[in-house]
Amino acid sequence: HWGTSQYQGSSLTTYRYVFGNGGYGNGQYMKNNAASVQNC
């Protein structure tokens, strides 16, 4: 849940998962920060 990385040639690209869409916790990293889940 921290994120994912990949090398493309000599470039390392990393995507970090964060909470979004406004509201409480917006912009916080999501790993070890979730309190509830909804399976849709």
ModelCIF file with pLDDT and N, C-alpha, C, O atoms, coordinates in Angstrom:
data_MODEL
#
_entry.id   MODEL 
#
_entity.id                         1 
_entity.type                       polymer 
_entity.pdbx_number_of_molecules   1 
#
_entity_poly.entity_id                      1 
_entity_poly.type                           'polypeptide(L)' 
_entity_poly.nstd_linkage                   no 
_entity_poly.nstd_monomer                   no 
_entity_poly.pdbx_seq_one_letter_code       HWGTSQYQGSSLTTYRYVFGNGGYGNGQYMKNNAASVQNC 
_entity_poly.pdbx_seq_one_letter_code_can   HWGTSQYQGSSLTTYRYVFGNGGYGNGQYMKNNAASVQNC 
_entity_poly.pdbx_strand_id                 A 
#
loop_
_entity_poly_seq.entity_id 
_entity_poly_seq.num 
_entity_poly_seq.mon_id 
_entity_poly_seq.hetero 
1 1  HIS n 
1 2  TRP n 
1 3  GLY n 
1 4  THR n 
1 5  SER n 
1 6  GLN n 
1 7  TYR n 
1 8  GLN n 
1 9  GLY n 
1 10 SER n 
1 11 SER n 
1 12 LEU n 
1 13 THR n 
1 14 THR n 
1 15 TYR n 
1 16 ARG n 
1 17 TYR n 
1 18 VAL n 
1 19 PHE n 
1 20 GLY n 
1 21 ASN n 
1 22 GLY n 
1 23 GLY n 
1 24 TYR n 
1 25 GLY n 
1 26 ASN n 
1 27 GLY n 
1 28 GLN n 
1 29 TYR n 
1 30 MET n 
1 31 LYS n 
1 32 ASN n 
1 33 ASN n 
1 34 ALA n 
1 35 ALA n 
1 36 SER n 
1 37 VAL n 
1 38 GLN n 
1 39 ASN n 
1 40 CYS n 
#
_struct_asym.id          A 
_struct_asym.entity_id   1 
#
loop_
_ma_qa_metric.id 
_ma_qa_metric.mode 
_ma_qa_metric.name 
_ma_qa_metric.software_group_id 
_ma_qa_metric.type 
1 global pLDDT . pLDDT 
2 local  pLDDT . pLDDT 
#
_ma_qa_metric_global.metric_id      1 
_ma_qa_metric_global.metric_value   94.10 
_ma_qa_metric_global.model_id       1 
_ma_qa_metric_global.ordinal_id     1 
#
loop_
_ma_qa_metric_local.label_asym_id 
_ma_qa_metric_local.label_comp_id 
_ma_qa_metric_local.label_seq_id 
_ma_qa_metric_local.metric_id 
_ma_qa_metric_local.metric_value 
_ma_qa_metric_local.model_id 
_ma_qa_metric_local.ordinal_id 
A HIS 1  2 96.00 1 1  
A TRP 2  2 96.00 1 2  
A GLY 3  2 95.00 1 3  
A THR 4  2 94.00 1 4  
A SER 5  2 94.00 1 5  
A GLN 6  2 93.00 1 6  
A TYR 7  2 93.00 1 7  
A GLN 8  2 86.00 1 8  
A GLY 9  2 86.00 1 9  
A SER 10 2 88.00 1 10 
A SER 11 2 91.00 1 11 
A LEU 12 2 95.00 1 12 
A THR 13 2 94.00 1 13 
A THR 14 2 95.00 1 14 
A TYR 15 2 95.00 1 15 
A ARG 16 2 96.00 1 16 
A TYR 17 2 96.00 1 17 
A VAL 18 2 97.00 1 18 
A PHE 19 2 97.00 1 19 
A GLY 20 2 95.00 1 20 
A ASN 21 2 91.00 1 21 
A GLY 22 2 90.00 1 22 
A GLY 23 2 91.00 1 23 
A TYR 24 2 95.00 1 24 
A GLY 25 2 96.00 1 25 
A ASN 26 2 96.00 1 26 
A GLY 27 2 96.00 1 27 
A GLN 28 2 96.00 1 28 
A TYR 29 2 97.00 1 29 
A MET 30 2 95.00 1 30 
A LYS 31 2 97.00 1 31 
A ASN 32 2 97.00 1 32 
A ASN 33 2 97.00 1 33 
A ALA 34 2 97.00 1 34 
A ALA 35 2 97.00 1 35 
A SER 36 2 97.00 1 36 
A VAL 37 2 95.00 1 37 
A GLN 38 2 93.00 1 38 
A ASN 39 2 91.00 1 39 
A CYS 40 2 88.00 1 40 
#
loop_
_atom_site.group_PDB 
_atom_site.id 
_atom_site.type_symbol 
_atom_site.label_atom_id 
_atom_site.label_alt_id 
_atom_site.label_comp_id 
_atom_site.label_asym_id 
_atom_site.label_entity_id 
_atom_site.label_seq_id 
_atom_site.pdbx_PDB_ins_code 
_atom_site.Cartn_x 
_atom_site.Cartn_y 
_atom_site.Cartn_z 
_atom_site.occupancy 
_atom_site.B_iso_or_equiv 
_atom_site.pdbx_formal_charge 
_atom_site.auth_seq_id 
_atom_site.auth_comp_id 
_atom_site.auth_asym_id 
_atom_site.auth_atom_id 
_atom_site.pdbx_PDB_model_num 
ATOM 1   N N  . HIS A 1 1  ? 0.813   -1.222 0.000   1.00 96.00 ? 1  HIS A N  1 
ATOM 2   C CA . HIS A 1 1  ? 0.000   0.000  0.000   1.00 96.00 ? 1  HIS A CA 1 
ATOM 3   C C  . HIS A 1 1  ? 0.847   1.273  0.000   1.00 96.00 ? 1  HIS A C  1 
ATOM 4   O O  . HIS A 1 1  ? 0.308   2.369  -0.150  1.00 96.00 ? 1  HIS A O  1 
ATOM 5   N N  . TRP A 1 2  ? 2.153   1.142  0.165   1.00 96.00 ? 2  TRP A N  1 
ATOM 6   C CA . TRP A 1 2  ? 3.036   2.314  0.103   1.00 96.00 ? 2  TRP A CA 1 
ATOM 7   C C  . TRP A 1 2  ? 3.104   2.829  -1.325  1.00 96.00 ? 2  TRP A C  1 
ATOM 8   O O  . TRP A 1 2  ? 3.142   4.039  -1.548  1.00 96.00 ? 2  TRP A O  1 
ATOM 9   N N  . GLY A 1 3  ? 3.120   1.917  -2.295  1.00 95.00 ? 3  GLY A N  1 
ATOM 10  C CA . GLY A 1 3  ? 3.173   2.334  -3.685  1.00 95.00 ? 3  GLY A CA 1 
ATOM 11  C C  . GLY A 1 3  ? 3.892   1.315  -4.540  1.00 95.00 ? 3  GLY A C  1 
ATOM 12  O O  . GLY A 1 3  ? 4.158   0.194  -4.108  1.00 95.00 ? 3  GLY A O  1 
ATOM 13  N N  . THR A 1 4  ? 4.200   1.718  -5.751  1.00 94.00 ? 4  THR A N  1 
ATOM 14  C CA . THR A 1 4  ? 4.857   0.835  -6.704  1.00 94.00 ? 4  THR A CA 1 
ATOM 15  C C  . THR A 1 4  ? 5.869   1.628  -7.512  1.00 94.00 ? 4  THR A C  1 
ATOM 16  O O  . THR A 1 4  ? 5.673   2.814  -7.777  1.00 94.00 ? 4  THR A O  1 
ATOM 17  N N  . SER A 1 5  ? 6.957   0.967  -7.902  1.00 94.00 ? 5  SER A N  1 
ATOM 18  C CA . SER A 1 5  ? 8.021   1.614  -8.669  1.00 94.00 ? 5  SER A CA 1 
ATOM 19  C C  . SER A 1 5  ? 8.400   0.749  -9.855  1.00 94.00 ? 5  SER A C  1 
ATOM 20  O O  . SER A 1 5  ? 8.203   -0.466 -9.852  1.00 94.00 ? 5  SER A O  1 
ATOM 21  N N  . GLN A 1 6  ? 8.948   1.405  -10.868 1.00 93.00 ? 6  GLN A N  1 
ATOM 22  C CA . GLN A 1 6  ? 9.409   0.676  -12.041 1.00 93.00 ? 6  GLN A CA 1 
ATOM 23  C C  . GLN A 1 6  ? 10.520  1.466  -12.715 1.00 93.00 ? 6  GLN A C  1 
ATOM 24  O O  . GLN A 1 6  ? 10.438  2.686  -12.856 1.00 93.00 ? 6  GLN A O  1 
ATOM 25  N N  . TYR A 1 7  ? 11.562  0.750  -13.129 1.00 93.00 ? 7  TYR A N  1 
ATOM 26  C CA . TYR A 1 7  ? 12.620  1.360  -13.931 1.00 93.00 ? 7  TYR A CA 1 
ATOM 27  C C  . TYR A 1 7  ? 12.211  1.328  -15.388 1.00 93.00 ? 7  TYR A C  1 
ATOM 28  O O  . TYR A 1 7  ? 11.695  0.323  -15.879 1.00 93.00 ? 7  TYR A O  1 
ATOM 29  N N  . GLN A 1 8  ? 12.443  2.424  -16.071 1.00 86.00 ? 8  GLN A N  1 
ATOM 30  C CA . GLN A 1 8  ? 12.242  2.503  -17.511 1.00 86.00 ? 8  GLN A CA 1 
ATOM 31  C C  . GLN A 1 8  ? 13.523  3.103  -18.069 1.00 86.00 ? 8  GLN A C  1 
ATOM 32  O O  . GLN A 1 8  ? 13.702  4.320  -18.094 1.00 86.00 ? 8  GLN A O  1 
ATOM 33  N N  . GLY A 1 9  ? 14.416  2.214  -18.519 1.00 86.00 ? 9  GLY A N  1 
ATOM 34  C CA . GLY A 1 9  ? 15.741  2.676  -18.922 1.00 86.00 ? 9  GLY A CA 1 
ATOM 35  C C  . GLY A 1 9  ? 16.513  3.102  -17.690 1.00 86.00 ? 9  GLY A C  1 
ATOM 36  O O  . GLY A 1 9  ? 16.697  2.311  -16.765 1.00 86.00 ? 9  GLY A O  1 
ATOM 37  N N  . SER A 1 10 ? 16.967  4.351  -17.671 1.00 88.00 ? 10 SER A N  1 
ATOM 38  C CA . SER A 1 10 ? 17.711  4.848  -16.515 1.00 88.00 ? 10 SER A CA 1 
ATOM 39  C C  . SER A 1 10 ? 16.823  5.691  -15.599 1.00 88.00 ? 10 SER A C  1 
ATOM 40  O O  . SER A 1 10 ? 17.325  6.369  -14.702 1.00 88.00 ? 10 SER A O  1 
ATOM 41  N N  . SER A 1 11 ? 15.515  5.653  -15.820 1.00 91.00 ? 11 SER A N  1 
ATOM 42  C CA . SER A 1 11 ? 14.592  6.445  -15.003 1.00 91.00 ? 11 SER A CA 1 
ATOM 43  C C  . SER A 1 11 ? 13.792  5.556  -14.061 1.00 91.00 ? 11 SER A C  1 
ATOM 44  O O  . SER A 1 11 ? 13.268  4.517  -14.463 1.00 91.00 ? 11 SER A O  1 
ATOM 45  N N  . LEU A 1 12 ? 13.707  5.970  -12.823 1.00 95.00 ? 12 LEU A N  1 
ATOM 46  C CA . LEU A 1 12 ? 12.891  5.286  -11.827 1.00 95.00 ? 12 LEU A CA 1 
ATOM 47  C C  . LEU A 1 12 ? 11.622  6.105  -11.636 1.00 95.00 ? 12 LEU A C  1 
ATOM 48  O O  . LEU A 1 12 ? 11.678  7.292  -11.314 1.00 95.00 ? 12 LEU A O  1 
ATOM 49  N N  . THR A 1 13 ? 10.490  5.465  -11.837 1.00 94.00 ? 13 THR A N  1 
ATOM 50  C CA . THR A 1 13 ? 9.207   6.131  -11.640 1.00 94.00 ? 13 THR A CA 1 
ATOM 51  C C  . THR A 1 13 ? 8.498   5.446  -10.483 1.00 94.00 ? 13 THR A C  1 
ATOM 52  O O  . THR A 1 13 ? 8.383   4.221  -10.459 1.00 94.00 ? 13 THR A O  1 
ATOM 53  N N  . THR A 1 14 ? 8.024   6.233  -9.523  1.00 95.00 ? 14 THR A N  1 
ATOM 54  C CA . THR A 1 14 ? 7.350   5.708  -8.347  1.00 95.00 ? 14 THR A CA 1 
ATOM 55  C C  . THR A 1 14 ? 5.989   6.363  -8.206  1.00 95.00 ? 14 THR A C  1 
ATOM 56  O O  . THR A 1 14 ? 5.846   7.576  -8.364  1.00 95.00 ? 14 THR A O  1 
ATOM 57  N N  . TYR A 1 15 ? 5.001   5.551  -7.909  1.00 95.00 ? 15 TYR A N  1 
ATOM 58  C CA . TYR A 1 15 ? 3.650   6.038  -7.623  1.00 95.00 ? 15 TYR A CA 1 
ATOM 59  C C  . TYR A 1 15 ? 3.318   5.681  -6.185  1.00 95.00 ? 15 TYR A C  1 
ATOM 60  O O  . TYR A 1 15 ? 3.326   4.506  -5.820  1.00 95.00 ? 15 TYR A O  1 
ATOM 61  N N  . ARG A 1 16 ? 3.025   6.683  -5.365  1.00 96.00 ? 16 ARG A N  1 
ATOM 62  C CA . ARG A 1 16 ? 2.654   6.498  -3.968  1.00 96.00 ? 16 ARG A CA 1 
ATOM 63  C C  . ARG A 1 16 ? 1.135   6.611  -3.844  1.00 96.00 ? 16 ARG A C  1 
ATOM 64  O O  . ARG A 1 16 ? 0.515   7.493  -4.438  1.00 96.00 ? 16 ARG A O  1 
ATOM 65  N N  . TYR A 1 17 ? 0.547   5.700  -3.060  1.00 96.00 ? 17 TYR A N  1 
ATOM 66  C CA . TYR A 1 17 ? -0.895  5.715  -2.864  1.00 96.00 ? 17 TYR A CA 1 
ATOM 67  C C  . TYR A 1 17 ? -1.249  6.650  -1.716  1.00 96.00 ? 17 TYR A C  1 
ATOM 68  O O  . TYR A 1 17 ? -0.711  6.533  -0.615  1.00 96.00 ? 17 TYR A O  1 
ATOM 69  N N  . VAL A 1 18 ? -2.154  7.570  -1.986  1.00 97.00 ? 18 VAL A N  1 
ATOM 70  C CA . VAL A 1 18 ? -2.596  8.539  -0.990  1.00 97.00 ? 18 VAL A CA 1 
ATOM 71  C C  . VAL A 1 18 ? -4.123  8.569  -0.944  1.00 97.00 ? 18 VAL A C  1 
ATOM 72  O O  . VAL A 1 18 ? -4.800  8.156  -1.886  1.00 97.00 ? 18 VAL A O  1 
ATOM 73  N N  . PHE A 1 19 ? -4.643  9.067  0.171   1.00 97.00 ? 19 PHE A N  1 
ATOM 74  C CA . PHE A 1 19 ? -6.082  9.298  0.277   1.00 97.00 ? 19 PHE A CA 1 
ATOM 75  C C  . PHE A 1 19 ? -6.415  10.582 -0.469  1.00 97.00 ? 19 PHE A C  1 
ATOM 76  O O  . PHE A 1 19 ? -5.680  11.566 -0.384  1.00 97.00 ? 19 PHE A O  1 
ATOM 77  N N  . GLY A 1 20 ? -7.516  10.567 -1.193  1.00 95.00 ? 20 GLY A N  1 
ATOM 78  C CA . GLY A 1 20 ? -7.897  11.741 -1.964  1.00 95.00 ? 20 GLY A CA 1 
ATOM 79  C C  . GLY A 1 20 ? -9.386  11.984 -1.930  1.00 95.00 ? 20 GLY A C  1 
ATOM 80  O O  . GLY A 1 20 ? -10.110 11.383 -1.137  1.00 95.00 ? 20 GLY A O  1 
ATOM 81  N N  . ASN A 1 21 ? -9.830  12.858 -2.784  1.00 91.00 ? 21 ASN A N  1 
ATOM 82  C CA . ASN A 1 21 ? -11.228 13.241 -2.957  1.00 91.00 ? 21 ASN A CA 1 
ATOM 83  C C  . ASN A 1 21 ? -11.723 14.141 -1.826  1.00 91.00 ? 21 ASN A C  1 
ATOM 84  O O  . ASN A 1 21 ? -12.914 14.146 -1.514  1.00 91.00 ? 21 ASN A O  1 
ATOM 85  N N  . GLY A 1 22 ? -10.829 14.891 -1.220  1.00 90.00 ? 22 GLY A N  1 
ATOM 86  C CA . GLY A 1 22 ? -11.224 15.802 -0.147  1.00 90.00 ? 22 GLY A CA 1 
ATOM 87  C C  . GLY A 1 22 ? -11.541 15.057 1.128   1.00 90.00 ? 22 GLY A C  1 
ATOM 88  O O  . GLY A 1 22 ? -11.339 13.846 1.218   1.00 90.00 ? 22 GLY A O  1 
ATOM 89  N N  . GLY A 1 23 ? -12.025 15.764 2.091   1.00 91.00 ? 23 GLY A N  1 
ATOM 90  C CA . GLY A 1 23 ? -12.422 15.144 3.347   1.00 91.00 ? 23 GLY A CA 1 
ATOM 91  C C  . GLY A 1 23 ? -11.256 14.913 4.290   1.00 91.00 ? 23 GLY A C  1 
ATOM 92  O O  . GLY A 1 23 ? -10.111 15.262 4.004   1.00 91.00 ? 23 GLY A O  1 
ATOM 93  N N  . TYR A 1 24 ? -11.589 14.310 5.427   1.00 95.00 ? 24 TYR A N  1 
ATOM 94  C CA . TYR A 1 24 ? -10.600 14.036 6.461   1.00 95.00 ? 24 TYR A CA 1 
ATOM 95  C C  . TYR A 1 24 ? -9.520  13.095 5.930   1.00 95.00 ? 24 TYR A C  1 
ATOM 96  O O  . TYR A 1 24 ? -9.833  12.054 5.353   1.00 95.00 ? 24 TYR A O  1 
ATOM 97  N N  . GLY A 1 25 ? -8.270  13.451 6.120   1.00 96.00 ? 25 GLY A N  1 
ATOM 98  C CA . GLY A 1 25 ? -7.161  12.616 5.704   1.00 96.00 ? 25 GLY A CA 1 
ATOM 99  C C  . GLY A 1 25 ? -6.702  12.845 4.268   1.00 96.00 ? 25 GLY A C  1 
ATOM 100 O O  . GLY A 1 25 ? -5.827  12.130 3.781   1.00 96.00 ? 25 GLY A O  1 
ATOM 101 N N  . ASN A 1 26 ? -7.273  13.817 3.594   1.00 96.00 ? 26 ASN A N  1 
ATOM 102 C CA . ASN A 1 26 ? -6.917  14.083 2.200   1.00 96.00 ? 26 ASN A CA 1 
ATOM 103 C C  . ASN A 1 26 ? -5.416  14.344 2.066   1.00 96.00 ? 26 ASN A C  1 
ATOM 104 O O  . ASN A 1 26 ? -4.859  15.169 2.790   1.00 96.00 ? 26 ASN A O  1 
ATOM 105 N N  . GLY A 1 27 ? -4.766  13.640 1.142   1.00 96.00 ? 27 GLY A N  1 
ATOM 106 C CA . GLY A 1 27 ? -3.339  13.827 0.894   1.00 96.00 ? 27 GLY A CA 1 
ATOM 107 C C  . GLY A 1 27 ? -2.428  12.974 1.759   1.00 96.00 ? 27 GLY A C  1 
ATOM 108 O O  . GLY A 1 27 ? -1.221  12.935 1.521   1.00 96.00 ? 27 GLY A O  1 
ATOM 109 N N  . GLN A 1 28 ? -2.971  12.291 2.754   1.00 96.00 ? 28 GLN A N  1 
ATOM 110 C CA . GLN A 1 28 ? -2.159  11.431 3.615   1.00 96.00 ? 28 GLN A CA 1 
ATOM 111 C C  . GLN A 1 28 ? -1.791  10.150 2.860   1.00 96.00 ? 28 GLN A C  1 
ATOM 112 O O  . GLN A 1 28 ? -2.575  9.650  2.054   1.00 96.00 ? 28 GLN A O  1 
ATOM 113 N N  . TYR A 1 29 ? -0.602  9.631  3.127   1.00 97.00 ? 29 TYR A N  1 
ATOM 114 C CA . TYR A 1 29 ? -0.245  8.338  2.555   1.00 97.00 ? 29 TYR A CA 1 
ATOM 115 C C  . TYR A 1 29 ? -1.185  7.276  3.104   1.00 97.00 ? 29 TYR A C  1 
ATOM 116 O O  . TYR A 1 29 ? -1.567  7.323  4.273   1.00 97.00 ? 29 TYR A O  1 
ATOM 117 N N  . MET A 1 30 ? -1.556  6.325  2.267   1.00 95.00 ? 30 MET A N  1 
ATOM 118 C CA . MET A 1 30 ? -2.601  5.395  2.683   1.00 95.00 ? 30 MET A CA 1 
ATOM 119 C C  . MET A 1 30 ? -2.081  4.192  3.449   1.00 95.00 ? 30 MET A C  1 
ATOM 120 O O  . MET A 1 30 ? -2.823  3.611  4.241   1.00 95.00 ? 30 MET A O  1 
ATOM 121 N N  . LYS A 1 31 ? -0.829  3.798  3.242   1.00 97.00 ? 31 LYS A N  1 
ATOM 122 C CA . LYS A 1 31 ? -0.315  2.630  3.968   1.00 97.00 ? 31 LYS A CA 1 
ATOM 123 C C  . LYS A 1 31 ? -0.341  2.894  5.472   1.00 97.00 ? 31 LYS A C  1 
ATOM 124 O O  . LYS A 1 31 ? 0.156   3.911  5.955   1.00 97.00 ? 31 LYS A O  1 
ATOM 125 N N  . ASN A 1 32 ? -0.929  1.956  6.188   1.00 97.00 ? 32 ASN A N  1 
ATOM 126 C CA . ASN A 1 32 ? -1.045  2.010  7.650   1.00 97.00 ? 32 ASN A CA 1 
ATOM 127 C C  . ASN A 1 32 ? -1.852  3.210  8.135   1.00 97.00 ? 32 ASN A C  1 
ATOM 128 O O  . ASN A 1 32 ? -1.612  3.710  9.235   1.00 97.00 ? 32 ASN A O  1 
ATOM 129 N N  . ASN A 1 33 ? -2.799  3.675  7.335   1.00 97.00 ? 33 ASN A N  1 
ATOM 130 C CA . ASN A 1 33 ? -3.647  4.797  7.733   1.00 97.00 ? 33 ASN A CA 1 
ATOM 131 C C  . ASN A 1 33 ? -5.124  4.552  7.512   1.00 97.00 ? 33 ASN A C  1 
ATOM 132 O O  . ASN A 1 33 ? -5.926  5.431  7.828   1.00 97.00 ? 33 ASN A O  1 
ATOM 133 N N  . ALA A 1 34 ? -5.530  3.407  6.987   1.00 97.00 ? 34 ALA A N  1 
ATOM 134 C CA . ALA A 1 34 ? -6.953  3.151  6.727   1.00 97.00 ? 34 ALA A CA 1 
ATOM 135 C C  . ALA A 1 34 ? -7.651  2.661  7.987   1.00 97.00 ? 34 ALA A C  1 
ATOM 136 O O  . ALA A 1 34 ? -7.069  1.951  8.807   1.00 97.00 ? 34 ALA A O  1 
ATOM 137 N N  . ALA A 1 35 ? -8.916  3.058  8.122   1.00 97.00 ? 35 ALA A N  1 
ATOM 138 C CA . ALA A 1 35 ? -9.708  2.651  9.282   1.00 97.00 ? 35 ALA A CA 1 
ATOM 139 C C  . ALA A 1 35 ? -10.943 1.849  8.889   1.00 97.00 ? 35 ALA A C  1 
ATOM 140 O O  . ALA A 1 35 ? -11.468 1.090  9.704   1.00 97.00 ? 35 ALA A O  1 
ATOM 141 N N  . SER A 1 36 ? -11.418 2.006  7.643   1.00 97.00 ? 36 SER A N  1 
ATOM 142 C CA . SER A 1 36 ? -12.592 1.259  7.201   1.00 97.00 ? 36 SER A CA 1 
ATOM 143 C C  . SER A 1 36 ? -12.474 0.921  5.725   1.00 97.00 ? 36 SER A C  1 
ATOM 144 O O  . SER A 1 36 ? -11.680 1.514  4.996   1.00 97.00 ? 36 SER A O  1 
ATOM 145 N N  . VAL A 1 37 ? -13.285 -0.051 5.298   1.00 95.00 ? 37 VAL A N  1 
ATOM 146 C CA . VAL A 1 37 ? -13.209 -0.587 3.946   1.00 95.00 ? 37 VAL A CA 1 
ATOM 147 C C  . VAL A 1 37 ? -14.610 -0.751 3.380   1.00 95.00 ? 37 VAL A C  1 
ATOM 148 O O  . VAL A 1 37 ? -15.566 -1.045 4.098   1.00 95.00 ? 37 VAL A O  1 
ATOM 149 N N  . GLN A 1 38 ? -14.701 -0.553 2.072   1.00 93.00 ? 38 GLN A N  1 
ATOM 150 C CA . GLN A 1 38 ? -15.949 -0.766 1.354   1.00 93.00 ? 38 GLN A CA 1 
ATOM 151 C C  . GLN A 1 38 ? -15.612 -1.592 0.102   1.00 93.00 ? 38 GLN A C  1 
ATOM 152 O O  . GLN A 1 38 ? -14.868 -1.130 -0.763  1.00 93.00 ? 38 GLN A O  1 
ATOM 153 N N  . ASN A 1 39 ? -16.157 -2.806 0.006   1.00 91.00 ? 39 ASN A N  1 
ATOM 154 C CA . ASN A 1 39 ? -15.935 -3.631 -1.176  1.00 91.00 ? 39 ASN A CA 1 
ATOM 155 C C  . ASN A 1 39 ? -17.133 -3.455 -2.107  1.00 91.00 ? 39 ASN A C  1 
ATOM 156 O O  . ASN A 1 39 ? -18.227 -3.945 -1.829  1.00 91.00 ? 39 ASN A O  1 
ATOM 157 N N  . CYS A 1 40 ? -16.912 -2.759 -3.199  1.00 88.00 ? 40 CYS A N  1 
ATOM 158 C CA . CYS A 1 40 ? -17.971 -2.517 -4.180  1.00 88.00 ? 40 CYS A CA 1 
ATOM 159 C C  . CYS A 1 40 ? -17.845 -3.415 -5.404  1.00 88.00 ? 40 CYS A C  1 
ATOM 160 O O  . CYS A 1 40 ? -18.664 -3.330 -6.319  1.00 88.00 ? 40 CYS A O  1 
#
